[in-house]
């Protein structure tokens, strides 16, 4: 069929590159599964970054492989990598993020339409 080998493979994930414009040689990267959103860890507060993304095709055995909660995973070396997108415009992180001394996710769950103080 017409087209390249890469065009006929299924996209199994994406590789994301980023760096601070003032330190162009300090490039970081991560690989995510075929997800539409993720979180990038380790960014410094109040700092500018640029990002680029490339599609990864690793074969059908890699589809729905193990990931963390945000779709992040290890990149396998046997996959094919597309060309990277153009780098984004400079994007800055916020100076402050939320910081909880304690947070219980179980405390936010309400399994019914009524609170525990209501009864029939």
Protein backbone atom coordinates (compact mmCIF):
# COMPACT_ATOMS: atom_id res chain seq x y z
CA UNK A 1 0.00 0.00 0.00
CA UNK A 2 1.12 3.60 -0.52
CA UNK A 3 2.68 5.49 2.37
CA UNK A 4 5.52 4.84 4.74
CA UNK A 5 5.83 1.99 7.22
CA UNK A 6 5.17 4.46 10.04
CA UNK A 7 1.89 5.60 8.43
CA UNK A 8 0.60 2.01 8.55
CA UNK A 9 1.41 1.38 12.21
CA UNK A 10 -0.88 2.13 15.15
CA UNK A 11 0.14 4.97 17.44
CA UNK A 12 0.71 3.43 20.86
CA UNK A 13 1.87 6.53 22.70
CA UNK A 14 3.66 9.85 22.60
CA UNK A 15 7.10 11.08 23.59
CA UNK A 16 7.16 14.56 25.11
CA UNK A 17 10.27 16.76 25.25
CA UNK A 18 10.64 19.97 27.25
CA UNK A 19 13.29 22.40 28.39
CA UNK A 20 13.74 25.89 29.76
CA UNK A 21 14.51 28.33 26.92
CA UNK A 22 17.50 29.71 28.85
CA UNK A 23 18.95 26.17 29.24
CA UNK A 24 18.34 24.61 25.81
CA UNK A 25 20.78 21.74 26.41
CA UNK A 26 18.94 20.46 29.52
CA UNK A 27 16.25 18.52 27.69
CA UNK A 28 13.86 16.31 29.66
CA UNK A 29 11.44 13.75 28.26
CA UNK A 30 8.72 11.29 29.12
CA UNK A 31 6.63 8.75 27.25
CA UNK A 32 2.89 8.40 27.71
CA UNK A 33 0.43 5.84 26.41
CA UNK A 34 -2.21 6.83 23.87
CA UNK A 35 -3.80 9.40 26.23
CA UNK A 36 -5.11 12.91 25.65
CA UNK A 37 -3.86 14.51 28.89
CA UNK A 38 -1.07 13.90 31.40
CA UNK A 39 0.93 15.69 34.08
CA UNK A 40 4.59 16.57 33.71
CA UNK A 41 6.45 16.19 37.00
CA UNK A 42 9.49 18.09 38.19
CA UNK A 43 8.76 21.47 36.67
CA UNK A 44 10.05 24.42 38.69
CA UNK A 45 7.57 27.06 39.94
CA UNK A 46 7.51 30.37 38.08
CA UNK A 47 9.66 28.99 35.25
CA UNK A 48 9.27 29.12 31.47
CA UNK A 49 9.32 25.95 29.35
CA UNK A 50 8.78 24.87 25.76
CA UNK A 51 7.39 21.48 24.74
CA UNK A 52 7.32 19.23 21.66
CA UNK A 53 5.51 15.94 21.02
CA UNK A 54 6.19 12.94 18.74
CA UNK A 55 4.02 9.90 18.08
CA UNK A 56 5.37 6.47 19.06
CA UNK A 57 4.44 3.24 17.25
CA UNK A 58 5.58 0.07 19.00
CA UNK A 59 3.34 -2.65 17.59
CA UNK A 60 0.03 -4.11 18.71
CA UNK A 61 1.57 -5.95 21.69
CA UNK A 62 2.29 -2.56 23.30
CA UNK A 63 -1.31 -1.27 23.13
CA UNK A 64 -2.76 -0.78 26.62
CA UNK A 65 0.50 -1.72 28.35
CA UNK A 66 1.23 -0.86 31.99
CA UNK A 67 1.10 2.85 32.89
CA UNK A 68 0.78 5.00 35.98
CA UNK A 69 -2.41 6.96 36.76
CA UNK A 70 -1.46 9.69 34.29
CA UNK A 71 -0.63 7.39 31.39
CA UNK A 72 3.15 7.72 31.86
CA UNK A 73 5.25 4.68 31.06
CA UNK A 74 8.67 3.48 29.99
CA UNK A 75 9.65 3.99 26.36
CA UNK A 76 10.57 0.77 24.57
CA UNK A 77 13.56 1.00 22.25
CA UNK A 78 12.06 -1.24 19.55
CA UNK A 79 9.35 1.29 18.65
CA UNK A 80 9.40 3.84 15.86
CA UNK A 81 9.34 7.54 16.66
CA UNK A 82 7.80 10.15 14.35
CA UNK A 83 9.28 13.59 13.82
CA UNK A 84 8.73 15.93 16.76
CA UNK A 85 6.19 18.71 16.48
CA UNK A 86 7.32 22.31 16.44
CA UNK A 87 8.12 23.55 19.93
CA UNK A 88 5.27 25.32 21.68
CA UNK A 89 5.26 28.97 22.52
CA UNK A 90 6.98 29.65 25.83
CA UNK A 91 4.71 28.42 28.63
CA UNK A 92 5.25 29.38 32.28
CA UNK A 93 4.43 27.42 35.40
CA UNK A 94 2.66 29.09 38.32
CA UNK A 95 4.64 30.44 41.27
CA UNK A 96 2.47 28.46 43.70
CA UNK A 97 0.71 25.13 43.61
CA UNK A 98 -1.71 23.58 46.07
CA UNK A 99 -0.05 22.06 49.11
CA UNK A 100 -2.09 19.90 51.46
CA UNK A 101 -0.64 18.76 54.78
CA UNK A 102 -3.12 15.89 54.66
CA UNK A 103 -5.67 14.79 52.07
CA UNK A 104 -7.92 11.74 52.27
CA UNK A 105 -9.37 10.77 48.90
CA UNK A 106 -11.67 8.33 50.72
CA UNK A 107 -13.20 11.27 52.57
CA UNK A 108 -14.40 12.77 49.29
CA UNK A 109 -16.38 9.72 48.22
CA UNK A 110 -20.14 9.72 48.65
CA UNK A 111 -21.54 6.42 47.44
CA UNK A 112 -25.20 7.39 47.76
CA UNK A 113 -27.55 10.28 47.09
CA UNK A 114 -27.77 11.02 50.82
CA UNK A 115 -25.23 11.83 53.49
CA UNK A 116 -24.57 9.51 56.43
CA UNK A 117 -26.67 11.84 58.67
CA UNK A 118 -29.87 11.05 56.74
CA UNK A 119 -31.97 7.96 57.31
CA UNK A 120 -35.21 6.55 55.92
